[in-house]
Amino acid sequence: MTPESLRSLTRIAAGAVLVAIVVWLMMTLSTVATLLLTTLALAYILNPLVNWMTKIGFNRPVASGLIIIVGLLIINGAIFFFIPAVMKEVRAFLDVGPQYFAKVGEQIVKLAEWLGVNTPSDWNEVYLMVVERLRLLLPKMADPAAKIASTVFTSTIHIFSLVFYALLIPVFTYYLMVSFESIKSTIYDLIPPYTREPVVQRLRQIDTMMAGFVRGQLTICIILSVLYSLGFVIIGIDLPVVLGTLSGMLFIIPYVGTAFGIITGSIMALAKFGDFVHVAYVIGWITAVQLLEGYVLTPKIVGEAVGLHPVLYIVALMVGGTLMGFMGMLIAIPSAAIIRVLLMTLVDGYKRTYLYDDSVDGPEQL
């Protein structure tokens, strides 16, 4: 083995060991790692705003503090104004909920009869069927219920822990925002000089991809929440703000928000008005908003340089959540962006080799 090959293998092994240590620490200290990743993500998202405020005369500590204060005021405003409005909608819906469920049941029975499916003759028969199923399930539920009761105390402690960590989020985010550029400089200095330029170039590609995707998706989610809610209010269905906001926020997962809006909005329209005209209104409004998102919002806000296909995005979230829970979902998209950039680098290197280009005389370094 040549000295150059040995040196390359040593570097690869050192990098693999470093990655393994980081992953092991993240899995061992999952709660702390989740807190740090959450605050780091917030600092990353807000860093351009801090940089802009420093350009107009604020220093980083003041700019970061103002952003945190404004963010907390927005959250408090949501708690004191948005949540009561949502609760008012929910209470109003609960008053008419039984009637709506009855209407939906009637429509389901009519549809089942039209399809030739046997249905119970009345709702009393359905009630008896449900009671019988519950009677059979109760003995099987005894053991899980006992386990749930035995973990109440532990769950209470976890709730207090979550509150404590939630209070730490703005504090950690503030310090990370203040030190964000210093952290970037430190990472830059730790990159070996012989590979610094190509690594920094790849990191810039990842940053461009992440910035366009994460910040852009969050902006689009807010816009869609407003548009969905406005449309549902105009159509006249119940829980318009709740359903509109959830549909918009769930757009962070491609296709899920749209499907949620269509399904829940259509059910509400059918339950309240008892016709398919208002269902068509709901579907038509969501379709119009989606066309606006696809042809105007996403190209203008996210741009074409992102390159994260929706299927890749969903798969990354599924894999991250399966392997490491919520923390895995936090690192899923950055990991997908890194993998995509690395694959692009490998493909570019492959195209410069004799395996792809017949004009190349021999193997070249990727």
Protein backbone atom coordinates (compact mmCIF):
# COMPACT_ATOMS: atom_id res chain seq x y z
CA MET A 1 0.00 0.00 0.00
CA THR A 2 1.40 3.38 -0.99
CA PRO A 3 1.80 6.17 1.60
CA GLU A 4 -0.84 8.20 -0.24
CA SER A 5 -3.35 5.35 -0.03
CA LEU A 6 -2.58 4.80 3.64
CA ARG A 7 -3.04 8.49 4.33
CA SER A 8 -6.40 8.50 2.50
CA LEU A 9 -7.63 5.44 4.38
CA THR A 10 -6.57 6.97 7.69
CA ARG A 11 -8.51 10.13 6.93
CA ILE A 12 -11.59 8.16 5.90
CA ALA A 13 -11.38 6.03 9.06
CA ALA A 14 -10.98 9.13 11.24
CA GLY A 15 -14.03 10.70 9.62
CA ALA A 16 -16.08 7.52 10.07
CA VAL A 17 -15.09 7.31 13.75
CA LEU A 18 -16.03 10.96 14.28
CA VAL A 19 -19.45 10.44 12.67
CA ALA A 20 -20.01 7.29 14.75
CA ILE A 21 -19.15 9.15 17.97
CA VAL A 22 -21.52 12.00 17.11
CA VAL A 23 -24.37 9.60 16.29
CA TRP A 24 -23.74 7.63 19.48
CA LEU A 25 -23.81 10.80 21.59
CA MET A 26 -27.02 11.95 19.91
CA MET A 27 -28.74 8.64 20.59
CA THR A 28 -27.41 8.41 24.15
CA LEU A 29 -28.28 12.00 25.05
CA SER A 30 -31.39 12.15 22.87
CA THR A 31 -33.28 14.72 24.94
CA VAL A 32 -30.38 17.15 25.13
CA ALA A 33 -29.52 16.52 21.48
CA THR A 34 -33.12 17.24 20.46
CA LEU A 35 -33.05 20.51 22.38
CA LEU A 36 -29.75 21.53 20.79
CA LEU A 37 -30.88 20.55 17.29
CA THR A 38 -34.17 22.42 17.70
CA THR A 39 -32.46 25.61 18.84
CA LEU A 40 -29.76 25.25 16.19
CA ALA A 41 -32.46 24.92 13.51
CA LEU A 42 -34.20 28.05 14.81
CA ALA A 43 -30.90 29.96 14.90
CA TYR A 44 -30.15 28.81 11.35
CA ILE A 45 -33.56 29.93 10.09
CA LEU A 46 -33.33 33.32 11.81
CA ASN A 47 -29.66 34.02 11.08
CA PRO A 48 -30.33 35.91 7.78
CA LEU A 49 -32.64 38.25 9.69
CA VAL A 50 -29.92 38.83 12.30
CA ASN A 51 -27.39 39.54 9.53
CA TRP A 52 -29.78 42.02 7.91
CA MET A 53 -30.32 43.84 11.22
CA THR A 54 -26.56 44.07 11.76
CA LYS A 55 -26.22 45.70 8.33
CA ILE A 56 -28.66 48.46 9.29
CA GLY A 57 -26.85 49.30 12.53
CA PHE A 58 -27.73 46.75 15.25
CA ASN A 59 -25.07 44.60 16.87
CA ARG A 60 -25.70 40.85 17.01
CA PRO A 61 -26.69 40.60 20.70
CA VAL A 62 -29.26 43.40 20.36
CA ALA A 63 -30.59 42.07 17.05
CA SER A 64 -30.88 38.54 18.44
CA GLY A 65 -32.59 39.79 21.60
CA LEU A 66 -35.12 41.83 19.62
CA ILE A 67 -35.94 38.84 17.41
CA ILE A 68 -36.46 36.60 20.45
CA ILE A 69 -38.68 39.22 22.12
CA VAL A 70 -40.77 39.70 18.99
CA GLY A 71 -41.06 35.92 18.60
CA LEU A 72 -42.24 35.51 22.18
CA LEU A 73 -44.76 38.34 21.69
CA ILE A 74 -46.11 36.60 18.59
CA ILE A 75 -46.43 33.33 20.50
CA ASN A 76 -48.20 35.09 23.37
CA GLY A 77 -50.46 36.84 20.88
CA ALA A 78 -51.36 33.47 19.40
CA ILE A 79 -52.09 32.12 22.88
CA PHE A 80 -54.29 35.05 23.94
CA PHE A 81 -56.02 35.79 20.64
CA PHE A 82 -55.78 32.86 18.24
CA ILE A 83 -56.34 30.00 20.68
CA PRO A 84 -59.50 31.55 22.27
CA ALA A 85 -60.91 32.04 18.77
CA VAL A 86 -60.15 28.41 17.99
CA MET A 87 -61.77 27.25 21.23
CA LYS A 88 -64.84 29.33 20.40
CA GLU A 89 -65.06 27.57 17.04
CA VAL A 90 -64.66 24.19 18.70
CA ARG A 91 -67.38 24.91 21.30
CA ALA A 92 -69.76 26.10 18.58
CA PHE A 93 -69.06 22.95 16.60
CA LEU A 94 -69.66 20.70 19.61
CA ASP A 95 -73.15 22.17 19.95
CA VAL A 96 -74.11 21.05 16.46
CA GLY A 97 -71.71 18.12 16.17
CA PRO A 98 -74.29 15.37 16.84
CA GLN A 99 -76.54 16.73 14.11
CA TYR A 100 -73.64 16.83 11.68
CA PHE A 101 -72.61 13.29 12.49
CA ALA A 102 -76.19 12.17 11.91
CA LYS A 103 -76.24 13.89 8.50
CA VAL A 104 -72.92 12.34 7.55
CA GLY A 105 -74.22 8.95 8.69
CA GLU A 106 -77.28 9.35 6.51
CA GLN A 107 -75.14 10.23 3.52
CA ILE A 108 -72.89 7.21 4.17
CA VAL A 109 -75.93 4.91 4.41
CA LYS A 110 -77.32 6.30 1.14
CA LEU A 111 -73.97 5.83 -0.56
CA ALA A 112 -73.67 2.28 0.80
CA GLU A 113 -77.18 1.42 -0.40
CA TRP A 114 -76.38 2.87 -3.82
CA LEU A 115 -73.26 0.67 -3.95
CA GLY A 116 -75.23 -2.36 -2.80
CA VAL A 117 -73.46 -2.71 0.56
CA ASN A 118 -75.48 -4.09 3.49
CA THR A 119 -75.86 -1.56 6.32
CA PRO A 120 -77.58 -1.65 9.73
CA SER A 121 -81.26 -0.77 9.58
CA ASP A 122 -80.95 2.02 12.18
CA TRP A 123 -78.42 3.67 14.52
CA ASN A 124 -79.69 1.66 17.49
CA GLU A 125 -78.40 -1.46 15.76
CA VAL A 126 -75.04 0.27 15.25
CA TYR A 127 -75.01 1.17 18.95
CA LEU A 128 -75.62 -2.44 19.96
CA MET A 129 -72.83 -3.61 17.66
CA VAL A 130 -70.39 -1.11 19.19
CA VAL A 131 -71.36 -2.13 22.73
CA GLU A 132 -70.82 -5.80 21.90
CA ARG A 133 -67.38 -5.08 20.43
CA LEU A 134 -66.42 -3.05 23.51
CA ARG A 135 -67.58 -5.85 25.81
CA LEU A 136 -65.27 -8.26 24.03
CA LEU A 137 -62.35 -5.81 24.06
CA LEU A 138 -62.56 -4.77 27.73
CA PRO A 139 -60.81 -7.88 29.13
CA LYS A 140 -58.00 -7.43 26.61
CA MET A 141 -57.66 -3.76 27.60
CA ALA A 142 -57.24 -4.49 31.31
CA ASP A 143 -53.51 -5.13 31.16
CA PRO A 144 -52.68 -2.08 29.00
CA ALA A 145 -54.86 0.07 31.27
CA ALA A 146 -52.90 -1.11 34.30
CA LYS A 147 -49.65 -0.26 32.56
CA ILE A 148 -50.96 3.18 31.68
CA ALA A 149 -51.99 3.79 35.28
CA SER A 150 -48.58 2.72 36.53
CA THR A 151 -46.85 5.27 34.28
CA VAL A 152 -48.95 8.31 35.24
CA PHE A 153 -46.37 9.53 37.75
CA THR A 154 -43.55 9.10 35.25
CA SER A 155 -45.55 10.92 32.60
CA THR A 156 -46.13 13.82 34.98
CA ILE A 157 -42.39 14.12 35.52
CA HIS A 158 -41.89 14.05 31.75
CA ILE A 159 -44.39 16.88 31.36
CA PHE A 160 -42.45 19.06 33.82
CA SER A 161 -39.25 18.16 31.95
CA LEU A 162 -40.81 19.20 28.65
CA VAL A 163 -41.89 22.53 30.14
CA PHE A 164 -38.36 23.08 31.46
CA TYR A 165 -36.82 22.31 28.07
CA ALA A 166 -39.38 24.54 26.33
CA LEU A 167 -38.29 27.43 28.54
CA LEU A 168 -34.68 26.78 27.57
CA ILE A 169 -35.40 27.00 23.83
CA PRO A 170 -35.44 30.83 23.58
CA VAL A 171 -32.35 31.08 25.81
CA PHE A 172 -30.32 28.60 23.75
CA THR A 173 -31.59 30.07 20.49
CA TYR A 174 -30.49 33.55 21.57
CA TYR A 175 -26.93 32.48 22.34
CA LEU A 176 -26.67 30.45 19.15
CA MET A 177 -27.93 33.42 17.10
CA VAL A 178 -25.36 35.69 18.73
CA SER A 179 -22.54 33.22 18.08
CA PHE A 180 -23.73 31.80 14.76
CA GLU A 181 -21.13 33.49 12.56
CA SER A 182 -18.40 32.66 15.08
CA ILE A 183 -19.49 29.00 15.02
CA LYS A 184 -19.30 29.04 11.21
CA SER A 185 -15.79 30.52 11.36
CA THR A 186 -14.67 27.90 13.88
CA ILE A 187 -15.97 25.07 11.69
CA TYR A 188 -14.22 26.64 8.71
CA ASP A 189 -10.90 26.73 10.60
CA LEU A 190 -11.27 23.07 11.61
CA ILE A 191 -11.55 21.90 8.01
CA PRO A 192 -8.12 20.64 6.85
CA PRO A 193 -6.50 23.19 4.50
CA TYR A 194 -5.83 20.61 1.78
CA THR A 195 -9.57 20.02 1.33
CA ARG A 196 -11.02 23.25 2.68
CA GLU A 197 -12.04 24.87 -0.61
CA PRO A 198 -14.02 21.93 -2.08
CA VAL A 199 -15.63 21.19 1.31
CA VAL A 200 -16.66 24.83 1.76
CA GLN A 201 -18.06 24.82 -1.76
CA ARG A 202 -20.18 21.76 -0.95
CA LEU A 203 -21.30 23.32 2.33
CA ARG A 204 -22.44 26.40 0.44
CA GLN A 205 -24.47 24.21 -1.90
CA ILE A 206 -26.07 22.49 1.10
CA ASP A 207 -26.75 25.86 2.75
CA THR A 208 -28.39 27.18 -0.43
CA MET A 209 -30.54 24.08 -0.67
CA MET A 210 -31.50 24.12 3.01
CA ALA A 211 -32.15 27.86 3.13
CA GLY A 212 -34.39 27.77 0.09
CA PHE A 213 -36.27 24.73 1.25
CA VAL A 214 -36.76 25.18 5.01
CA ARG A 215 -37.33 28.93 5.11
CA GLY A 216 -39.34 28.81 1.91
CA GLN A 217 -41.56 25.94 3.07
CA LEU A 218 -42.30 27.67 6.38
CA THR A 219 -43.24 30.88 4.56
CA ILE A 220 -45.50 29.00 2.15
CA CYS A 221 -47.15 27.15 5.07
CA ILE A 222 -48.10 30.45 6.70
CA ILE A 223 -49.49 31.85 3.45
CA LEU A 224 -51.48 28.69 2.76
CA SER A 225 -52.90 28.70 6.30
CA VAL A 226 -54.26 32.20 5.75
CA LEU A 227 -55.65 31.40 2.29
CA TYR A 228 -57.26 28.11 3.35
CA SER A 229 -58.83 29.72 6.43
CA LEU A 230 -60.13 32.66 4.39
CA GLY A 231 -61.69 30.34 1.83
CA PHE A 232 -63.31 28.13 4.45
CA VAL A 233 -64.78 31.22 6.16
CA ILE A 234 -66.25 32.43 2.87
CA ILE A 235 -67.66 28.99 2.04
CA GLY A 236 -69.22 28.90 5.50
CA ILE A 237 -68.07 25.58 6.94
CA ASP A 238 -67.51 25.16 10.66
CA LEU A 239 -64.02 25.24 12.22
CA PRO A 240 -62.65 27.27 9.28
CA VAL A 241 -59.64 28.71 11.10
CA VAL A 242 -58.76 25.39 12.76
CA LEU A 243 -58.98 23.36 9.56
CA GLY A 244 -57.38 26.05 7.41
CA THR A 245 -54.43 26.50 9.75
CA LEU A 246 -53.85 22.76 10.15
CA SER A 247 -54.06 22.23 6.38
CA GLY A 248 -51.53 24.98 5.78
CA MET A 249 -49.10 23.85 8.48
CA LEU A 250 -49.30 20.22 7.37
CA PHE A 251 -48.11 21.34 3.93
CA ILE A 252 -44.61 21.11 5.45
CA ILE A 253 -45.07 17.40 4.60
CA PRO A 254 -45.82 17.33 0.85
CA TYR A 255 -49.35 16.28 -0.12
CA VAL A 256 -50.44 15.69 3.50
CA GLY A 257 -51.77 19.22 4.05
CA THR A 258 -53.66 19.23 0.77
CA ALA A 259 -55.22 15.83 1.46
CA PHE A 260 -56.15 16.87 5.01
CA GLY A 261 -57.82 20.07 3.77
CA ILE A 262 -59.82 18.30 1.07
CA ILE A 263 -61.00 15.47 3.34
CA THR A 264 -61.89 17.49 6.44
CA GLY A 265 -63.26 20.46 4.49
CA SER A 266 -65.47 18.20 2.37
CA ILE A 267 -66.79 16.35 5.42
CA MET A 268 -67.62 19.64 7.14
CA ALA A 269 -69.33 21.01 4.04
CA LEU A 270 -71.34 17.83 3.55
CA ALA A 271 -72.30 17.73 7.23
CA LYS A 272 -73.44 21.34 7.42
CA PHE A 273 -75.11 21.87 4.04
CA GLY A 274 -76.02 18.30 3.10
CA ASP A 275 -75.16 18.80 -0.58
CA PHE A 276 -72.20 18.29 -2.86
CA VAL A 277 -72.24 21.85 -4.16
CA HIS A 278 -70.39 23.16 -1.10
CA VAL A 279 -68.09 20.15 -1.24
CA ALA A 280 -67.23 21.27 -4.78
CA TYR A 281 -66.60 24.78 -3.42
CA VAL A 282 -64.10 23.37 -0.90
CA ILE A 283 -62.31 21.24 -3.49
CA GLY A 284 -62.32 24.10 -6.00
CA TRP A 285 -60.84 26.55 -3.48
CA ILE A 286 -58.11 24.15 -2.40
CA THR A 287 -57.32 23.42 -6.06
CA ALA A 288 -57.04 27.15 -6.81
CA VAL A 289 -54.75 27.69 -3.81
CA GLN A 290 -52.60 24.73 -4.86
CA LEU A 291 -52.27 26.14 -8.38
CA LEU A 292 -51.20 29.45 -6.86
CA GLU A 293 -48.68 27.61 -4.69
CA GLY A 294 -47.31 25.51 -7.53
CA TYR A 295 -47.00 28.20 -10.20
CA VAL A 296 -46.38 31.37 -8.15
CA LEU A 297 -45.46 30.85 -4.48
CA THR A 298 -42.99 27.96 -4.72
CA PRO A 299 -41.09 29.30 -7.78
CA LYS A 300 -40.84 32.78 -6.24
CA ILE A 301 -40.17 31.86 -2.60
CA VAL A 302 -38.41 28.50 -2.72
CA GLY A 303 -36.92 28.68 -6.19
CA GLU A 304 -35.59 25.96 -8.43
CA ALA A 305 -32.18 25.60 -6.80
CA VAL A 306 -33.51 23.56 -3.88
CA GLY A 307 -33.58 20.22 -5.64
CA LEU A 308 -35.28 18.22 -2.85
CA HIS A 309 -37.94 16.14 -4.54
CA PRO A 310 -41.13 15.73 -2.44
CA VAL A 311 -40.76 11.93 -2.48
CA LEU A 312 -37.17 12.22 -1.21
CA TYR A 313 -38.41 14.64 1.46
CA ILE A 314 -41.12 12.25 2.68
CA VAL A 315 -38.77 9.25 2.65
CA ALA A 316 -36.16 11.22 4.62
CA LEU A 317 -38.75 12.15 7.26
CA MET A 318 -39.98 8.55 7.50
CA VAL A 319 -36.48 7.11 7.83
CA GLY A 320 -35.38 9.75 10.35
CA GLY A 321 -38.51 9.33 12.45
CA THR A 322 -38.24 5.53 12.39
CA LEU A 323 -34.57 5.44 13.39
CA MET A 324 -34.33 8.29 15.89
CA GLY A 325 -37.84 9.61 16.57
CA PHE A 326 -38.41 13.37 16.63
CA MET A 327 -34.68 14.06 16.67
CA GLY A 328 -34.33 11.95 13.54
CA MET A 329 -36.98 14.06 11.81
CA LEU A 330 -35.02 17.20 12.75
CA ILE A 331 -31.88 15.96 11.01
CA ALA A 332 -33.68 14.16 8.16
CA ILE A 333 -33.82 17.08 5.75
CA PRO A 334 -30.24 18.32 6.36
CA SER A 335 -29.09 14.73 5.92
CA ALA A 336 -31.04 14.42 2.67
CA ALA A 337 -29.51 17.68 1.42
CA ILE A 338 -26.00 16.48 2.33
CA ILE A 339 -26.54 13.10 0.67
CA ARG A 340 -27.85 14.77 -2.47
CA VAL A 341 -24.83 17.09 -2.71
CA LEU A 342 -22.45 14.16 -2.11
CA LEU A 343 -24.18 12.09 -4.78
CA MET A 344 -23.95 15.02 -7.21
CA THR A 345 -20.22 15.25 -6.43
CA LEU A 346 -19.76 11.52 -7.04
CA VAL A 347 -21.69 11.71 -10.32
CA ASP A 348 -19.59 14.68 -11.48
CA GLY A 349 -16.44 12.78 -10.55
CA TYR A 350 -17.65 9.68 -12.34
CA LYS A 351 -18.24 11.67 -15.52
CA ARG A 352 -14.61 12.83 -15.42
CA THR A 353 -13.26 9.25 -15.35
CA TYR A 354 -12.42 6.83 -18.13
CA LEU A 355 -15.41 4.72 -17.03
CA TYR A 356 -17.73 7.37 -18.47
CA ASP A 357 -15.58 9.38 -20.90
CA ASP A 358 -13.70 7.35 -23.47
CA SER A 359 -11.34 10.25 -24.17
CA VAL A 360 -9.84 9.97 -20.65
CA ASP A 361 -6.73 7.78 -20.63
CA GLY A 362 -6.97 6.43 -17.07
CA PRO A 363 -8.58 6.74 -13.66
CA GLU A 364 -8.75 10.25 -12.25
CA GLN A 365 -9.25 11.36 -8.69
CA LEU A 366 -12.89 12.19 -7.95
